[in-house]
């Protein structure tokens, strides 16, 4: 019995060594060239594609904003046509930035906003979707010229706002990008709150 067991173990060892030798000599059995070894200094790091939104090679971005704000409140639209500037920085997929937008409004009423925002970049096919949150200050101004003897109306009020929305971005190359924003903005004021849907096109550069 011991002799049979010893012979069986010996046979298994021989088969194991034979299989290892064949695998090492067979180029189809996992022979890996030196160029494909991970961490090999001879491999070109640029040959490895970077996952969109995971880590930006140029994390600083600056862009122009142009669009329209639609008020959900009664009375004149204090948003209307808007234009501005946004800049930010990506920490991997996390975006942190700031923006300034001036809205022309209507009927002698207009608004500007200055705020910070944050978002998270999610690659979806060729584009990046960035859901985010914005916080800041919105200044509403009214300027009305009245006939004498009435006094002209010239007043302004600054209140906090917060916004929920998303951006869609498309990289033309590693420097230039285009996209669009859509967000709901809520202005919290002493004389009543203001709510608007804001849609802005944007385009800019990465550094």
C-alpha atoms as a PDB file:
ATOM      1  CA  UNK A   1       0.000   0.000   0.000  1.00  0.00           C
ATOM      2  CA  UNK A   2       2.792   2.424   0.861  1.00  0.00           C
ATOM      3  CA  UNK A   3       4.636   1.435  -2.295  1.00  0.00           C
ATOM      4  CA  UNK A   4       1.549   2.131  -4.427  1.00  0.00           C
ATOM      5  CA  UNK A   5       0.997   5.529  -2.754  1.00  0.00           C
ATOM      6  CA  UNK A   6       4.657   6.461  -3.215  1.00  0.00           C
ATOM      7  CA  UNK A   7       4.535   5.541  -6.901  1.00  0.00           C
ATOM      8  CA  UNK A   8       1.336   7.569  -7.411  1.00  0.00           C
ATOM      9  CA  UNK A   9       2.873  10.682  -5.786  1.00  0.00           C
ATOM     10  CA  UNK A  10       5.997  10.273  -7.872  1.00  0.00           C
ATOM     11  CA  UNK A  11       3.885  10.041 -11.034  1.00  0.00           C
ATOM     12  CA  UNK A  12       2.009  13.230 -10.163  1.00  0.00           C
ATOM     13  CA  UNK A  13       5.268  15.083  -9.577  1.00  0.00           C
ATOM     14  CA  UNK A  14       6.608  13.939 -12.946  1.00  0.00           C
ATOM     15  CA  UNK A  15       3.432  15.060 -14.716  1.00  0.00           C
ATOM     16  CA  UNK A  16       3.559  18.427 -12.959  1.00  0.00           C
ATOM     17  CA  UNK A  17       7.162  19.103 -13.954  1.00  0.00           C
ATOM     18  CA  UNK A  18       6.421  17.981 -17.521  1.00  0.00           C
ATOM     19  CA  UNK A  19       3.393  20.296 -17.793  1.00  0.00           C
ATOM     20  CA  UNK A  20       5.414  23.257 -16.471  1.00  0.00           C
ATOM     21  CA  UNK A  21       8.191  22.611 -18.965  1.00  0.00           C
ATOM     22  CA  UNK A  22       5.729  22.402 -21.864  1.00  0.00           C
ATOM     23  CA  UNK A  23       4.001  25.633 -20.813  1.00  0.00           C
ATOM     24  CA  UNK A  24       7.303  27.482 -20.684  1.00  0.00           C
ATOM     25  CA  UNK A  25       8.312  26.266 -24.160  1.00  0.00           C
ATOM     26  CA  UNK A  26       4.869  26.798 -25.753  1.00  0.00           C
ATOM     27  CA  UNK A  27       4.514  30.403 -27.019  1.00  0.00           C
ATOM     28  CA  UNK A  28       0.723  30.077 -26.962  1.00  0.00           C
ATOM     29  CA  UNK A  29       0.620  29.108 -23.287  1.00  0.00           C
ATOM     30  CA  UNK A  30       0.970  32.538 -21.786  1.00  0.00           C
ATOM     31  CA  UNK A  31       4.327  33.659 -23.156  1.00  0.00           C
ATOM     32  CA  UNK A  32       4.352  37.399 -22.459  1.00  0.00           C
ATOM     33  CA  UNK A  33       6.787  39.702 -24.196  1.00  0.00           C
ATOM     34  CA  UNK A  34       8.798  42.152 -22.159  1.00  0.00           C
ATOM     35  CA  UNK A  35       6.960  45.065 -23.783  1.00  0.00           C
ATOM     36  CA  UNK A  36       3.674  43.870 -22.245  1.00  0.00           C
ATOM     37  CA  UNK A  37       4.934  43.498 -18.678  1.00  0.00           C
ATOM     38  CA  UNK A  38       3.154  45.979 -16.403  1.00  0.00           C
ATOM     39  CA  UNK A  39       5.504  48.558 -14.978  1.00  0.00           C
ATOM     40  CA  UNK A  40       8.185  47.962 -17.626  1.00  0.00           C
ATOM     41  CA  UNK A  41       9.993  51.255 -18.111  1.00  0.00           C
ATOM     42  CA  UNK A  42      10.355  50.499 -21.822  1.00  0.00           C
ATOM     43  CA  UNK A  43       6.572  50.678 -22.327  1.00  0.00           C
ATOM     44  CA  UNK A  44       5.175  53.997 -23.493  1.00  0.00           C
ATOM     45  CA  UNK A  45       2.699  55.315 -20.918  1.00  0.00           C
ATOM     46  CA  UNK A  46       0.931  57.256 -23.671  1.00  0.00           C
ATOM     47  CA  UNK A  47      -0.174  53.966 -25.246  1.00  0.00           C
ATOM     48  CA  UNK A  48      -2.523  53.352 -22.329  1.00  0.00           C
ATOM     49  CA  UNK A  49      -5.821  55.180 -22.926  1.00  0.00           C
ATOM     50  CA  UNK A  50      -7.090  57.277 -20.062  1.00  0.00           C
ATOM     51  CA  UNK A  51     -10.643  56.685 -18.889  1.00  0.00           C
ATOM     52  CA  UNK A  52     -12.704  59.829 -19.541  1.00  0.00           C
ATOM     53  CA  UNK A  53     -13.604  61.669 -16.377  1.00  0.00           C
ATOM     54  CA  UNK A  54     -11.356  59.518 -14.202  1.00  0.00           C
ATOM     55  CA  UNK A  55      -8.300  61.763 -14.130  1.00  0.00           C
ATOM     56  CA  UNK A  56      -7.879  64.838 -16.310  1.00  0.00           C
ATOM     57  CA  UNK A  57      -4.447  65.405 -17.780  1.00  0.00           C
ATOM     58  CA  UNK A  58      -5.314  69.132 -17.809  1.00  0.00           C
ATOM     59  CA  UNK A  59      -7.365  69.682 -14.631  1.00  0.00           C
ATOM     60  CA  UNK A  60      -7.861  73.479 -14.928  1.00  0.00           C
ATOM     61  CA  UNK A  61     -10.769  74.623 -17.129  1.00  0.00           C
ATOM     62  CA  UNK A  62     -12.042  78.066 -18.150  1.00  0.00           C
ATOM     63  CA  UNK A  63     -15.143  78.594 -20.252  1.00  0.00           C
ATOM     64  CA  UNK A  64     -17.695  81.108 -21.527  1.00  0.00           C
ATOM     65  CA  UNK A  65     -21.415  80.796 -20.762  1.00  0.00           C
ATOM     66  CA  UNK A  66     -24.291  82.000 -22.939  1.00  0.00           C
ATOM     67  CA  UNK A  67     -27.974  81.192 -22.624  1.00  0.00           C
ATOM     68  CA  UNK A  68     -31.351  82.071 -21.183  1.00  0.00           C
ATOM     69  CA  UNK A  69     -33.147  81.985 -17.835  1.00  0.00           C
ATOM     70  CA  UNK A  70     -36.896  81.429 -17.647  1.00  0.00           C
ATOM     71  CA  UNK A  71     -38.613  82.703 -14.504  1.00  0.00           C
ATOM     72  CA  UNK A  72     -41.377  80.648 -12.890  1.00  0.00           C
ATOM     73  CA  UNK A  73     -42.697  83.682 -10.992  1.00  0.00           C
ATOM     74  CA  UNK A  74     -45.394  86.171 -11.939  1.00  0.00           C
ATOM     75  CA  UNK A  75     -44.255  89.521 -13.284  1.00  0.00           C
ATOM     76  CA  UNK A  76     -41.237  90.425 -15.410  1.00  0.00           C
ATOM     77  CA  UNK A  77     -38.547  87.847 -16.089  1.00  0.00           C
ATOM     78  CA  UNK A  78     -35.545  89.025 -14.054  1.00  0.00           C
ATOM     79  CA  UNK A  79     -33.291  86.480 -15.809  1.00  0.00           C
ATOM     80  CA  UNK A  80     -33.691  86.498 -19.597  1.00  0.00           C
ATOM     81  CA  UNK A  81     -30.624  86.452 -21.815  1.00  0.00           C
ATOM     82  CA  UNK A  82     -27.446  85.711 -19.828  1.00  0.00           C
ATOM     83  CA  UNK A  83     -23.712  85.545 -20.434  1.00  0.00           C
ATOM     84  CA  UNK A  84     -20.753  84.931 -18.170  1.00  0.00           C
ATOM     85  CA  UNK A  85     -17.640  83.036 -17.255  1.00  0.00           C
ATOM     86  CA  UNK A  86     -16.867  79.825 -15.368  1.00  0.00           C
ATOM     87  CA  UNK A  87     -13.585  78.390 -14.131  1.00  0.00           C
ATOM     88  CA  UNK A  88     -12.779  75.281 -12.177  1.00  0.00           C
ATOM     89  CA  UNK A  89     -10.451  72.491 -11.208  1.00  0.00           C
ATOM     90  CA  UNK A  90     -10.834  68.716 -11.446  1.00  0.00           C
ATOM     91  CA  UNK A  91      -9.624  66.429  -8.672  1.00  0.00           C
ATOM     92  CA  UNK A  92      -9.964  63.206 -10.634  1.00  0.00           C
ATOM     93  CA  UNK A  93     -13.714  63.046 -11.397  1.00  0.00           C
ATOM     94  CA  UNK A  94     -14.680  65.699  -8.820  1.00  0.00           C
ATOM     95  CA  UNK A  95     -15.141  69.213 -10.245  1.00  0.00           C
ATOM     96  CA  UNK A  96     -14.886  72.351  -8.089  1.00  0.00           C
ATOM     97  CA  UNK A  97     -15.426  75.748  -9.635  1.00  0.00           C
ATOM     98  CA  UNK A  98     -16.886  79.250  -9.626  1.00  0.00           C
ATOM     99  CA  UNK A  99     -19.073  81.182 -12.037  1.00  0.00           C
ATOM    100  CA  UNK A 100     -20.343  84.683 -12.759  1.00  0.00           C
ATOM    101  CA  UNK A 101     -23.355  85.258 -15.022  1.00  0.00           C
ATOM    102  CA  UNK A 102     -25.107  88.515 -15.893  1.00  0.00           C
ATOM    103  CA  UNK A 103     -28.741  88.352 -17.044  1.00  0.00           C
ATOM    104  CA  UNK A 104     -30.259  91.226 -18.984  1.00  0.00           C
ATOM    105  CA  UNK A 105     -33.762  90.616 -17.624  1.00  0.00           C
ATOM    106  CA  UNK A 106     -36.703  92.664 -18.890  1.00  0.00           C
ATOM    107  CA  UNK A 107     -38.852  95.671 -17.993  1.00  0.00           C
ATOM    108  CA  UNK A 108     -35.967  97.527 -16.311  1.00  0.00           C
ATOM    109  CA  UNK A 109     -35.192  94.546 -14.016  1.00  0.00           C
ATOM    110  CA  UNK A 110     -32.098  92.400 -14.286  1.00  0.00           C
ATOM    111  CA  UNK A 111     -29.962  90.023 -12.248  1.00  0.00           C
ATOM    112  CA  UNK A 112     -26.397  88.896 -11.806  1.00  0.00           C
ATOM    113  CA  UNK A 113     -25.135  85.892  -9.895  1.00  0.00           C
ATOM    114  CA  UNK A 114     -21.790  84.941  -8.386  1.00  0.00           C
ATOM    115  CA  UNK A 115     -21.329  81.503  -6.912  1.00  0.00           C
ATOM    116  CA  UNK A 116     -19.381  78.333  -6.392  1.00  0.00           C
ATOM    117  CA  UNK A 117     -20.309  74.909  -7.703  1.00  0.00           C
ATOM    118  CA  UNK A 118     -19.314  71.301  -7.481  1.00  0.00           C
ATOM    119  CA  UNK A 119     -20.017  68.256  -9.603  1.00  0.00           C
ATOM    120  CA  UNK A 120     -18.994  64.721 -10.440  1.00  0.00           C
ATOM    121  CA  UNK A 121     -17.902  63.723 -13.953  1.00  0.00           C
ATOM    122  CA  UNK A 122     -19.538  60.555 -15.313  1.00  0.00           C
ATOM    123  CA  UNK A 123     -18.322  59.359 -18.749  1.00  0.00           C
ATOM    124  CA  UNK A 124     -21.176  58.229 -20.988  1.00  0.00           C
ATOM    125  CA  UNK A 125     -19.928  57.313 -24.437  1.00  0.00           C
ATOM    126  CA  UNK A 126     -18.167  60.283 -26.056  1.00  0.00           C
ATOM    127  CA  UNK A 127     -19.507  62.827 -23.546  1.00  0.00           C
ATOM    128  CA  UNK A 128     -19.184  63.567 -19.839  1.00  0.00           C
ATOM    129  CA  UNK A 129     -22.300  64.156 -17.745  1.00  0.00           C
ATOM    130  CA  UNK A 130     -21.670  66.269 -14.647  1.00  0.00           C
ATOM    131  CA  UNK A 131     -24.532  66.446 -12.114  1.00  0.00           C
ATOM    132  CA  UNK A 132     -23.863  69.178  -9.578  1.00  0.00           C
ATOM    133  CA  UNK A 133     -24.893  71.705  -6.978  1.00  0.00           C
ATOM    134  CA  UNK A 134     -24.388  75.471  -6.972  1.00  0.00           C
ATOM    135  CA  UNK A 135     -24.398  78.009  -4.125  1.00  0.00           C
ATOM    136  CA  UNK A 136     -23.923  81.748  -4.215  1.00  0.00           C
ATOM    137  CA  UNK A 137     -25.386  85.243  -4.269  1.00  0.00           C
ATOM    138  CA  UNK A 138     -27.872  86.747  -6.720  1.00  0.00           C
ATOM    139  CA  UNK A 139     -28.329  90.497  -7.064  1.00  0.00           C
ATOM    140  CA  UNK A 140     -31.628  91.789  -8.467  1.00  0.00           C
ATOM    141  CA  UNK A 141     -31.621  95.387  -9.709  1.00  0.00           C
ATOM    142  CA  UNK A 142     -34.458  97.612 -10.838  1.00  0.00           C
ATOM    143  CA  UNK A 143     -34.029 100.961 -12.535  1.00  0.00           C
ATOM    144  CA  UNK A 144     -37.065 102.890 -13.755  1.00  0.00           C
ATOM    145  CA  UNK A 145     -37.122 106.466 -15.028  1.00  0.00           C
ATOM    146  CA  UNK A 146     -40.359 108.172 -14.028  1.00  0.00           C
ATOM    147  CA  UNK A 147     -41.707 111.522 -15.250  1.00  0.00           C
ATOM    148  CA  UNK A 148     -41.442 114.523 -12.915  1.00  0.00           C
ATOM    149  CA  UNK A 149     -42.396 115.156 -10.227  1.00  0.00           C
ATOM    150  CA  UNK A 150     -42.132 111.421  -9.471  1.00  0.00           C
ATOM    151  CA  UNK A 151     -38.775 110.157  -8.286  1.00  0.00           C
ATOM    152  CA  UNK A 152     -36.926 107.564 -10.351  1.00  0.00           C
ATOM    153  CA  UNK A 153     -36.724 104.052  -8.945  1.00  0.00           C
ATOM    154  CA  UNK A 154     -33.203 102.720  -8.582  1.00  0.00           C
ATOM    155  CA  UNK A 155     -32.826  99.855  -6.136  1.00  0.00           C
ATOM    156  CA  UNK A 156     -31.148  96.478  -5.748  1.00  0.00           C
ATOM    157  CA  UNK A 157     -31.262  93.498  -3.419  1.00  0.00           C
ATOM    158  CA  UNK A 158     -28.738  90.685  -2.921  1.00  0.00           C
ATOM    159  CA  UNK A 159     -29.889  87.287  -1.690  1.00  0.00           C
ATOM    160  CA  UNK A 160     -28.463  83.764  -1.461  1.00  0.00           C
ATOM    161  CA  UNK A 161     -29.337  81.135  -4.034  1.00  0.00           C
ATOM    162  CA  UNK A 162     -28.829  77.447  -4.581  1.00  0.00           C
ATOM    163  CA  UNK A 163     -29.113  75.498  -7.816  1.00  0.00           C
ATOM    164  CA  UNK A 164     -29.477  71.877  -8.863  1.00  0.00           C
ATOM    165  CA  UNK A 165     -28.614  70.739 -12.353  1.00  0.00           C
ATOM    166  CA  UNK A 166     -26.288  68.999 -14.726  1.00  0.00           C
ATOM    167  CA  UNK A 167     -23.765  69.731 -17.468  1.00  0.00           C
ATOM    168  CA  UNK A 168     -23.009  67.755 -20.620  1.00  0.00           C
ATOM    169  CA  UNK A 169     -19.469  68.218 -21.937  1.00  0.00           C
ATOM    170  CA  UNK A 170     -17.760  67.050 -25.122  1.00  0.00           C
ATOM    171  CA  UNK A 171     -13.990  67.219 -25.528  1.00  0.00           C
ATOM    172  CA  UNK A 172     -13.035  68.322 -29.044  1.00  0.00           C
ATOM    173  CA  UNK A 173      -9.448  67.428 -28.141  1.00  0.00           C
ATOM    174  CA  UNK A 174      -7.355  67.488 -24.958  1.00  0.00           C
ATOM    175  CA  UNK A 175      -7.571  71.321 -24.840  1.00  0.00           C
ATOM    176  CA  UNK A 176     -10.944  72.520 -26.180  1.00  0.00           C
ATOM    177  CA  UNK A 177     -14.419  71.477 -25.074  1.00  0.00           C
ATOM    178  CA  UNK A 178     -18.050  72.442 -25.698  1.00  0.00           C
ATOM    179  CA  UNK A 179     -21.243  71.598 -23.862  1.00  0.00           C
ATOM    180  CA  UNK A 180     -24.410  72.768 -22.197  1.00  0.00           C
ATOM    181  CA  UNK A 181     -25.901  73.352 -18.735  1.00  0.00           C
ATOM    182  CA  UNK A 182     -29.439  72.989 -17.439  1.00  0.00           C
ATOM    183  CA  UNK A 183     -30.328  73.810 -13.839  1.00  0.00           C
ATOM    184  CA  UNK A 184     -33.092  74.913 -11.532  1.00  0.00           C
ATOM    185  CA  UNK A 185     -32.126  77.964  -9.515  1.00  0.00           C
ATOM    186  CA  UNK A 186     -33.805  79.093  -6.310  1.00  0.00           C
ATOM    187  CA  UNK A 187     -33.221  82.632  -4.992  1.00  0.00           C
ATOM    188  CA  UNK A 188     -34.192  83.061  -1.335  1.00  0.00           C
ATOM    189  CA  UNK A 189     -35.231  86.668  -0.716  1.00  0.00           C
ATOM    190  CA  UNK A 190     -36.886  88.765   1.983  1.00  0.00           C
ATOM    191  CA  UNK A 191     -39.465  90.000  -0.524  1.00  0.00           C
ATOM    192  CA  UNK A 192     -40.251  86.564  -1.914  1.00  0.00           C
ATOM    193  CA  UNK A 193     -38.356  83.699  -3.475  1.00  0.00           C
ATOM    194  CA  UNK A 194     -37.475  83.438  -7.133  1.00  0.00           C
ATOM    195  CA  UNK A 195     -37.256  80.244  -9.170  1.00  0.00           C
ATOM    196  CA  UNK A 196     -36.007  79.813 -12.717  1.00  0.00           C
ATOM    197  CA  UNK A 197     -34.958  77.223 -15.268  1.00  0.00           C
ATOM    198  CA  UNK A 198     -31.582  78.246 -16.690  1.00  0.00           C
ATOM    199  CA  UNK A 199     -30.150  76.764 -19.892  1.00  0.00           C
ATOM    200  CA  UNK A 200     -26.644  77.811 -20.911  1.00  0.00           C
ATOM    201  CA  UNK A 201     -24.304  76.756 -23.699  1.00  0.00           C
ATOM    202  CA  UNK A 202     -20.634  76.718 -22.785  1.00  0.00           C
ATOM    203  CA  UNK A 203     -17.259  76.259 -24.387  1.00  0.00           C
ATOM    204  CA  UNK A 204     -13.696  76.728 -23.257  1.00  0.00           C
ATOM    205  CA  UNK A 205     -10.201  75.410 -22.728  1.00  0.00           C
ATOM    206  CA  UNK A 206      -8.358  73.091 -20.371  1.00  0.00           C
ATOM    207  CA  UNK A 207      -4.897  73.786 -18.989  1.00  0.00           C
END
